């Protein structure tokens, strides 16, 4: 797990919770998928950066998958899942239980993009 951004005390707490939830989510995956996930970088940030916003990311977006999906094993680019914890925390009205669940859903949503699923596929799976 890669942690980016300025790390203040409240954000450190969110990082710890999110790291736990993502580790548990990964443990629930089949072995083959966990192996493929090793090439994906997971970045936890508080809020989208100016660079992300300039590329069309919304300021309240929860996550983003960027890079080649699982079917493109020849690409030199590193697949990256970015999750914005501050946005999730705000969306969940600072409820830790809801935050944990939404981190997990957001991780699985972005993982779905790595697997090649589009928004409609993810919605059918309850990962909107």
N, C-alpha and C. Protein backbone atom coordinates (compact mmCIF):
# COMPACT_ATOMS: atom_id res chain seq x y z
N UNK A 1 0.86 -1.17 0.00
CA UNK A 1 0.00 0.00 0.00
C UNK A 1 0.90 1.23 0.00
N UNK A 2 0.57 2.18 -0.83
CA UNK A 2 1.34 3.42 -0.93
C UNK A 2 0.49 4.55 -0.37
N UNK A 3 1.04 5.32 0.57
CA UNK A 3 0.32 6.43 1.16
C UNK A 3 0.88 7.73 0.60
N UNK A 4 0.02 8.58 0.07
CA UNK A 4 0.43 9.85 -0.50
C UNK A 4 -0.19 11.01 0.27
N UNK A 5 0.36 12.19 0.04
CA UNK A 5 -0.22 13.40 0.60
C UNK A 5 0.33 13.73 1.98
N UNK A 6 -0.08 14.87 2.48
CA UNK A 6 0.30 15.28 3.83
C UNK A 6 -0.45 14.41 4.83
N UNK A 7 0.29 13.87 5.77
CA UNK A 7 -0.34 12.95 6.71
C UNK A 7 -0.54 13.65 8.05
N UNK A 8 -1.79 14.08 8.30
CA UNK A 8 -2.14 14.66 9.58
C UNK A 8 -2.76 13.57 10.44
N UNK A 9 -2.96 13.83 11.71
CA UNK A 9 -3.45 12.80 12.64
C UNK A 9 -4.81 12.21 12.23
N UNK A 10 -5.81 13.02 11.90
CA UNK A 10 -7.09 12.42 11.49
C UNK A 10 -6.94 11.56 10.23
N UNK A 11 -6.13 12.03 9.28
CA UNK A 11 -5.93 11.27 8.06
C UNK A 11 -5.17 9.97 8.35
N UNK A 12 -4.23 10.01 9.26
CA UNK A 12 -3.51 8.79 9.64
C UNK A 12 -4.48 7.73 10.15
N UNK A 13 -5.48 8.16 10.92
CA UNK A 13 -6.48 7.23 11.42
C UNK A 13 -7.27 6.61 10.26
N UNK A 14 -7.67 7.44 9.30
CA UNK A 14 -8.39 6.94 8.13
C UNK A 14 -7.51 5.99 7.32
N UNK A 15 -6.23 6.31 7.19
CA UNK A 15 -5.30 5.43 6.48
C UNK A 15 -5.24 4.05 7.13
N UNK A 16 -5.16 4.05 8.45
CA UNK A 16 -5.06 2.78 9.18
C UNK A 16 -6.31 1.93 8.95
N UNK A 17 -7.47 2.56 9.07
CA UNK A 17 -8.73 1.84 8.85
C UNK A 17 -8.82 1.33 7.42
N UNK A 18 -8.52 2.19 6.46
CA UNK A 18 -8.62 1.81 5.05
C UNK A 18 -7.64 0.69 4.72
N UNK A 19 -6.44 0.77 5.25
CA UNK A 19 -5.45 -0.28 5.01
C UNK A 19 -5.96 -1.63 5.54
N UNK A 20 -6.57 -1.61 6.72
CA UNK A 20 -7.14 -2.84 7.29
C UNK A 20 -8.24 -3.40 6.39
N UNK A 21 -9.14 -2.54 5.96
CA UNK A 21 -10.26 -2.99 5.13
C UNK A 21 -9.81 -3.51 3.78
N UNK A 22 -8.83 -2.86 3.17
CA UNK A 22 -8.34 -3.31 1.88
C UNK A 22 -7.59 -4.64 2.03
N UNK A 23 -6.85 -4.79 3.11
CA UNK A 23 -6.18 -6.07 3.37
C UNK A 23 -7.19 -7.20 3.54
N UNK A 24 -8.27 -6.93 4.27
CA UNK A 24 -9.33 -7.93 4.44
C UNK A 24 -10.01 -8.24 3.11
N UNK A 25 -10.25 -7.21 2.30
CA UNK A 25 -10.88 -7.41 0.99
C UNK A 25 -9.99 -8.27 0.10
N UNK A 26 -8.70 -8.00 0.10
CA UNK A 26 -7.77 -8.80 -0.71
C UNK A 26 -7.77 -10.25 -0.24
N UNK A 27 -7.84 -10.46 1.06
CA UNK A 27 -7.82 -11.82 1.60
C UNK A 27 -9.04 -12.62 1.16
N UNK A 28 -10.13 -11.94 0.84
CA UNK A 28 -11.36 -12.60 0.39
C UNK A 28 -11.32 -13.01 -1.08
N UNK A 29 -10.30 -12.56 -1.80
CA UNK A 29 -10.22 -12.83 -3.24
C UNK A 29 -9.65 -14.22 -3.50
N UNK A 30 -10.00 -14.81 -4.64
CA UNK A 30 -9.39 -16.09 -5.02
C UNK A 30 -7.88 -15.92 -5.21
N UNK A 31 -7.15 -16.99 -4.99
CA UNK A 31 -5.68 -16.95 -5.07
C UNK A 31 -5.19 -16.37 -6.40
N UNK A 32 -5.77 -16.79 -7.51
CA UNK A 32 -5.31 -16.32 -8.82
C UNK A 32 -5.47 -14.81 -8.96
N UNK A 33 -6.58 -14.28 -8.48
CA UNK A 33 -6.81 -12.85 -8.56
C UNK A 33 -5.87 -12.10 -7.62
N UNK A 34 -5.64 -12.63 -6.43
CA UNK A 34 -4.69 -12.00 -5.50
C UNK A 34 -3.30 -11.92 -6.13
N UNK A 35 -2.93 -12.96 -6.87
CA UNK A 35 -1.63 -12.98 -7.54
C UNK A 35 -1.56 -11.88 -8.61
N UNK A 36 -2.61 -11.75 -9.40
CA UNK A 36 -2.64 -10.71 -10.44
C UNK A 36 -2.68 -9.31 -9.84
N UNK A 37 -3.28 -9.19 -8.68
CA UNK A 37 -3.40 -7.90 -8.01
C UNK A 37 -2.04 -7.38 -7.53
N UNK A 38 -1.06 -8.25 -7.45
CA UNK A 38 0.28 -7.84 -7.01
C UNK A 38 0.89 -6.80 -7.93
N UNK A 39 0.46 -6.75 -9.18
CA UNK A 39 1.02 -5.75 -10.10
C UNK A 39 0.27 -4.41 -10.04
N UNK A 40 -0.78 -4.34 -9.23
CA UNK A 40 -1.58 -3.11 -9.10
C UNK A 40 -1.11 -2.32 -7.88
N UNK A 41 -0.84 -1.05 -8.09
CA UNK A 41 -0.50 -0.15 -6.99
C UNK A 41 -1.79 0.43 -6.42
N UNK A 42 -1.94 0.39 -5.10
CA UNK A 42 -3.09 1.00 -4.45
C UNK A 42 -2.59 2.24 -3.71
N UNK A 43 -3.15 3.39 -4.07
CA UNK A 43 -2.76 4.67 -3.48
C UNK A 43 -3.93 5.21 -2.68
N UNK A 44 -3.67 5.59 -1.44
CA UNK A 44 -4.69 6.18 -0.58
C UNK A 44 -4.35 7.65 -0.37
N UNK A 45 -5.25 8.51 -0.79
CA UNK A 45 -5.06 9.95 -0.64
C UNK A 45 -6.25 10.52 0.10
N UNK A 46 -6.06 11.72 0.64
CA UNK A 46 -7.16 12.35 1.35
C UNK A 46 -8.22 12.87 0.38
N UNK A 47 -7.77 13.65 -0.60
CA UNK A 47 -8.66 14.24 -1.60
C UNK A 47 -7.95 14.24 -2.95
N UNK A 48 -8.71 14.35 -4.05
CA UNK A 48 -8.07 14.41 -5.37
C UNK A 48 -7.12 15.61 -5.48
N UNK A 49 -5.98 15.38 -6.09
CA UNK A 49 -4.98 16.43 -6.29
C UNK A 49 -5.42 17.36 -7.42
N UNK A 50 -4.74 18.48 -7.52
CA UNK A 50 -5.00 19.41 -8.62
C UNK A 50 -4.76 18.72 -9.96
N UNK A 51 -3.76 17.84 -10.01
CA UNK A 51 -3.47 17.11 -11.24
C UNK A 51 -4.63 16.20 -11.63
N UNK A 52 -5.19 15.51 -10.64
CA UNK A 52 -6.35 14.66 -10.93
C UNK A 52 -7.54 15.51 -11.38
N UNK A 53 -7.79 16.59 -10.69
CA UNK A 53 -8.92 17.46 -11.04
C UNK A 53 -8.77 17.98 -12.47
N UNK A 54 -7.53 18.29 -12.87
CA UNK A 54 -7.27 18.80 -14.21
C UNK A 54 -7.55 17.75 -15.29
N UNK A 55 -7.56 16.48 -14.91
CA UNK A 55 -7.83 15.42 -15.89
C UNK A 55 -9.30 15.01 -15.92
N UNK A 56 -10.15 15.71 -15.15
CA UNK A 56 -11.57 15.42 -15.18
C UNK A 56 -12.10 14.67 -13.96
N UNK A 57 -11.24 14.36 -13.02
CA UNK A 57 -11.71 13.73 -11.78
C UNK A 57 -12.56 14.76 -11.04
N UNK A 58 -13.70 14.32 -10.52
CA UNK A 58 -14.57 15.21 -9.76
C UNK A 58 -14.02 15.38 -8.35
N UNK A 59 -14.25 16.55 -7.75
CA UNK A 59 -13.69 16.81 -6.42
C UNK A 59 -14.28 15.94 -5.33
N UNK A 60 -15.45 15.30 -5.60
CA UNK A 60 -16.05 14.41 -4.60
C UNK A 60 -15.97 12.94 -5.00
N UNK A 61 -15.16 12.64 -6.01
CA UNK A 61 -15.01 11.26 -6.49
C UNK A 61 -14.37 10.40 -5.40
N UNK A 62 -14.77 9.14 -5.33
CA UNK A 62 -14.28 8.24 -4.28
C UNK A 62 -13.05 7.45 -4.69
N UNK A 63 -12.95 7.11 -5.96
CA UNK A 63 -11.82 6.31 -6.39
C UNK A 63 -11.61 6.40 -7.89
N UNK A 64 -10.48 5.83 -8.33
CA UNK A 64 -10.12 5.87 -9.74
C UNK A 64 -9.23 4.68 -10.05
N UNK A 65 -9.50 4.03 -11.17
CA UNK A 65 -8.57 3.04 -11.70
C UNK A 65 -7.92 3.66 -12.91
N UNK A 66 -6.60 3.56 -12.98
CA UNK A 66 -5.85 4.13 -14.09
C UNK A 66 -4.81 3.11 -14.54
N UNK A 67 -4.67 2.98 -15.86
CA UNK A 67 -3.66 2.08 -16.39
C UNK A 67 -4.28 0.91 -17.13
N UNK A 68 -3.44 -0.03 -17.52
CA UNK A 68 -3.94 -1.18 -18.27
C UNK A 68 -4.72 -2.13 -17.38
N UNK A 69 -5.75 -2.75 -17.97
CA UNK A 69 -6.49 -3.73 -17.18
C UNK A 69 -5.79 -5.08 -17.22
N UNK A 70 -6.36 -6.03 -16.55
CA UNK A 70 -5.75 -7.35 -16.35
C UNK A 70 -5.44 -8.06 -17.67
N UNK A 71 -6.21 -7.77 -18.70
CA UNK A 71 -6.02 -8.45 -19.99
C UNK A 71 -4.80 -7.95 -20.73
N UNK A 72 -4.24 -6.81 -20.34
CA UNK A 72 -3.11 -6.20 -21.04
C UNK A 72 -1.83 -6.42 -20.24
N UNK A 73 -1.32 -7.63 -20.26
CA UNK A 73 -0.14 -7.96 -19.47
C UNK A 73 1.15 -7.47 -20.12
N UNK A 74 1.07 -6.98 -21.36
CA UNK A 74 2.26 -6.52 -22.08
C UNK A 74 2.58 -5.04 -21.82
N UNK A 75 1.64 -4.30 -21.29
CA UNK A 75 1.83 -2.87 -21.10
C UNK A 75 2.89 -2.60 -20.04
N UNK A 76 3.79 -1.64 -20.30
CA UNK A 76 4.78 -1.28 -19.29
C UNK A 76 4.20 -0.38 -18.19
N UNK A 77 2.97 0.12 -18.40
CA UNK A 77 2.35 0.99 -17.41
C UNK A 77 1.89 0.17 -16.20
N UNK A 78 1.94 0.79 -15.03
CA UNK A 78 1.52 0.13 -13.80
C UNK A 78 0.06 0.46 -13.54
N UNK A 79 -0.80 -0.57 -13.42
CA UNK A 79 -2.20 -0.30 -13.07
C UNK A 79 -2.26 0.28 -11.65
N UNK A 80 -3.08 1.31 -11.47
CA UNK A 80 -3.15 2.00 -10.18
C UNK A 80 -4.60 2.21 -9.77
N UNK A 81 -4.88 1.86 -8.53
CA UNK A 81 -6.17 2.17 -7.90
C UNK A 81 -5.89 3.28 -6.90
N UNK A 82 -6.58 4.40 -7.06
CA UNK A 82 -6.48 5.51 -6.11
C UNK A 82 -7.82 5.63 -5.39
N UNK A 83 -7.74 5.74 -4.07
CA UNK A 83 -8.95 5.89 -3.26
C UNK A 83 -8.80 7.15 -2.43
N UNK A 84 -9.84 8.02 -2.48
CA UNK A 84 -9.81 9.29 -1.75
C UNK A 84 -10.60 9.16 -0.46
N UNK A 85 -9.86 8.97 0.60
CA UNK A 85 -10.45 8.67 1.91
C UNK A 85 -11.23 9.84 2.50
N UNK A 86 -10.77 11.06 2.28
CA UNK A 86 -11.50 12.22 2.80
C UNK A 86 -12.88 12.32 2.19
N UNK A 87 -12.98 12.03 0.90
CA UNK A 87 -14.29 12.06 0.23
C UNK A 87 -15.20 10.96 0.77
N UNK A 88 -14.63 9.79 1.01
CA UNK A 88 -15.44 8.70 1.56
C UNK A 88 -15.90 9.05 2.97
N UNK A 89 -15.00 9.59 3.78
CA UNK A 89 -15.33 9.98 5.16
C UNK A 89 -16.45 10.99 5.18
N UNK A 90 -16.37 11.99 4.31
CA UNK A 90 -17.42 13.01 4.23
C UNK A 90 -18.74 12.41 3.76
N UNK A 91 -18.69 11.54 2.75
CA UNK A 91 -19.89 10.91 2.23
C UNK A 91 -20.59 10.08 3.32
N UNK A 92 -19.80 9.48 4.18
CA UNK A 92 -20.33 8.62 5.25
C UNK A 92 -20.65 9.40 6.52
N UNK A 93 -20.62 10.72 6.45
CA UNK A 93 -20.92 11.58 7.60
C UNK A 93 -20.11 11.18 8.83
N UNK A 94 -18.83 10.87 8.61
CA UNK A 94 -17.88 10.55 9.68
C UNK A 94 -18.33 9.35 10.52
N UNK A 95 -19.03 8.41 9.90
CA UNK A 95 -19.44 7.18 10.57
C UNK A 95 -18.41 6.10 10.23
N UNK A 96 -17.68 5.62 11.23
CA UNK A 96 -16.58 4.69 10.98
C UNK A 96 -17.05 3.39 10.35
N UNK A 97 -18.17 2.85 10.78
CA UNK A 97 -18.68 1.61 10.20
C UNK A 97 -19.02 1.77 8.74
N UNK A 98 -19.70 2.86 8.41
CA UNK A 98 -20.03 3.13 7.01
C UNK A 98 -18.77 3.39 6.19
N UNK A 99 -17.81 4.09 6.80
CA UNK A 99 -16.54 4.36 6.13
C UNK A 99 -15.85 3.05 5.75
N UNK A 100 -15.77 2.12 6.69
CA UNK A 100 -15.13 0.82 6.43
C UNK A 100 -15.81 0.12 5.24
N UNK A 101 -17.12 0.10 5.25
CA UNK A 101 -17.87 -0.57 4.18
C UNK A 101 -17.64 0.12 2.84
N UNK A 102 -17.65 1.44 2.83
CA UNK A 102 -17.49 2.16 1.57
C UNK A 102 -16.06 2.05 1.03
N UNK A 103 -15.07 1.99 1.90
CA UNK A 103 -13.69 1.76 1.43
C UNK A 103 -13.64 0.42 0.71
N UNK A 104 -14.25 -0.58 1.29
CA UNK A 104 -14.27 -1.92 0.70
C UNK A 104 -15.00 -1.91 -0.65
N UNK A 105 -16.18 -1.29 -0.71
CA UNK A 105 -16.95 -1.21 -1.95
C UNK A 105 -16.16 -0.44 -3.02
N UNK A 106 -15.54 0.66 -2.63
CA UNK A 106 -14.76 1.47 -3.58
C UNK A 106 -13.57 0.67 -4.11
N UNK A 107 -12.89 -0.05 -3.23
CA UNK A 107 -11.77 -0.88 -3.65
C UNK A 107 -12.25 -1.93 -4.65
N UNK A 108 -13.33 -2.63 -4.34
CA UNK A 108 -13.85 -3.65 -5.25
C UNK A 108 -14.33 -3.03 -6.57
N UNK A 109 -14.91 -1.83 -6.51
CA UNK A 109 -15.35 -1.14 -7.72
C UNK A 109 -14.15 -0.89 -8.64
N UNK A 110 -13.10 -0.31 -8.08
CA UNK A 110 -11.92 0.00 -8.89
C UNK A 110 -11.21 -1.28 -9.33
N UNK A 111 -11.21 -2.30 -8.50
CA UNK A 111 -10.67 -3.60 -8.89
C UNK A 111 -11.45 -4.16 -10.07
N UNK A 112 -12.75 -3.93 -10.08
CA UNK A 112 -13.59 -4.35 -11.20
C UNK A 112 -13.12 -3.75 -12.51
N UNK A 113 -12.71 -2.49 -12.48
CA UNK A 113 -12.18 -1.86 -13.69
C UNK A 113 -10.88 -2.55 -14.12
N UNK A 114 -10.04 -2.92 -13.17
CA UNK A 114 -8.83 -3.66 -13.48
C UNK A 114 -9.18 -4.99 -14.16
N UNK A 115 -10.28 -5.58 -13.74
CA UNK A 115 -10.73 -6.85 -14.34
C UNK A 115 -11.37 -6.65 -15.71
N UNK A 116 -11.59 -5.37 -16.10
CA UNK A 116 -12.16 -5.08 -17.41
C UNK A 116 -13.64 -4.80 -17.39
N UNK A 117 -14.23 -4.65 -16.21
CA UNK A 117 -15.66 -4.36 -16.11
C UNK A 117 -15.92 -2.88 -16.31
N UNK A 118 -17.05 -2.55 -16.93
CA UNK A 118 -17.44 -1.15 -17.08
C UNK A 118 -18.45 -0.78 -15.99
N UNK A 119 -18.90 0.45 -16.01
CA UNK A 119 -19.80 0.95 -14.96
C UNK A 119 -21.10 0.14 -14.88
N UNK A 120 -21.66 -0.24 -16.03
CA UNK A 120 -22.88 -1.04 -16.02
C UNK A 120 -22.66 -2.40 -15.38
N UNK A 121 -21.53 -3.04 -15.72
CA UNK A 121 -21.19 -4.34 -15.10
C UNK A 121 -21.07 -4.21 -13.60
N UNK A 122 -20.44 -3.13 -13.15
CA UNK A 122 -20.23 -2.92 -11.71
C UNK A 122 -21.56 -2.65 -10.99
N UNK A 123 -22.43 -1.89 -11.65
CA UNK A 123 -23.73 -1.61 -11.05
C UNK A 123 -24.54 -2.90 -10.88
N UNK A 124 -24.47 -3.78 -11.87
CA UNK A 124 -25.16 -5.07 -11.77
C UNK A 124 -24.66 -5.89 -10.60
N UNK A 125 -23.43 -5.65 -10.20
CA UNK A 125 -22.82 -6.40 -9.08
C UNK A 125 -22.94 -5.65 -7.75
N UNK A 126 -23.70 -4.54 -7.75
CA UNK A 126 -23.89 -3.77 -6.52
C UNK A 126 -22.69 -2.96 -6.11
N UNK A 127 -21.83 -2.62 -7.07
CA UNK A 127 -20.60 -1.89 -6.77
C UNK A 127 -20.60 -0.50 -7.42
N UNK A 128 -21.75 0.14 -7.40
CA UNK A 128 -21.83 1.48 -7.99
C UNK A 128 -21.38 2.54 -7.01
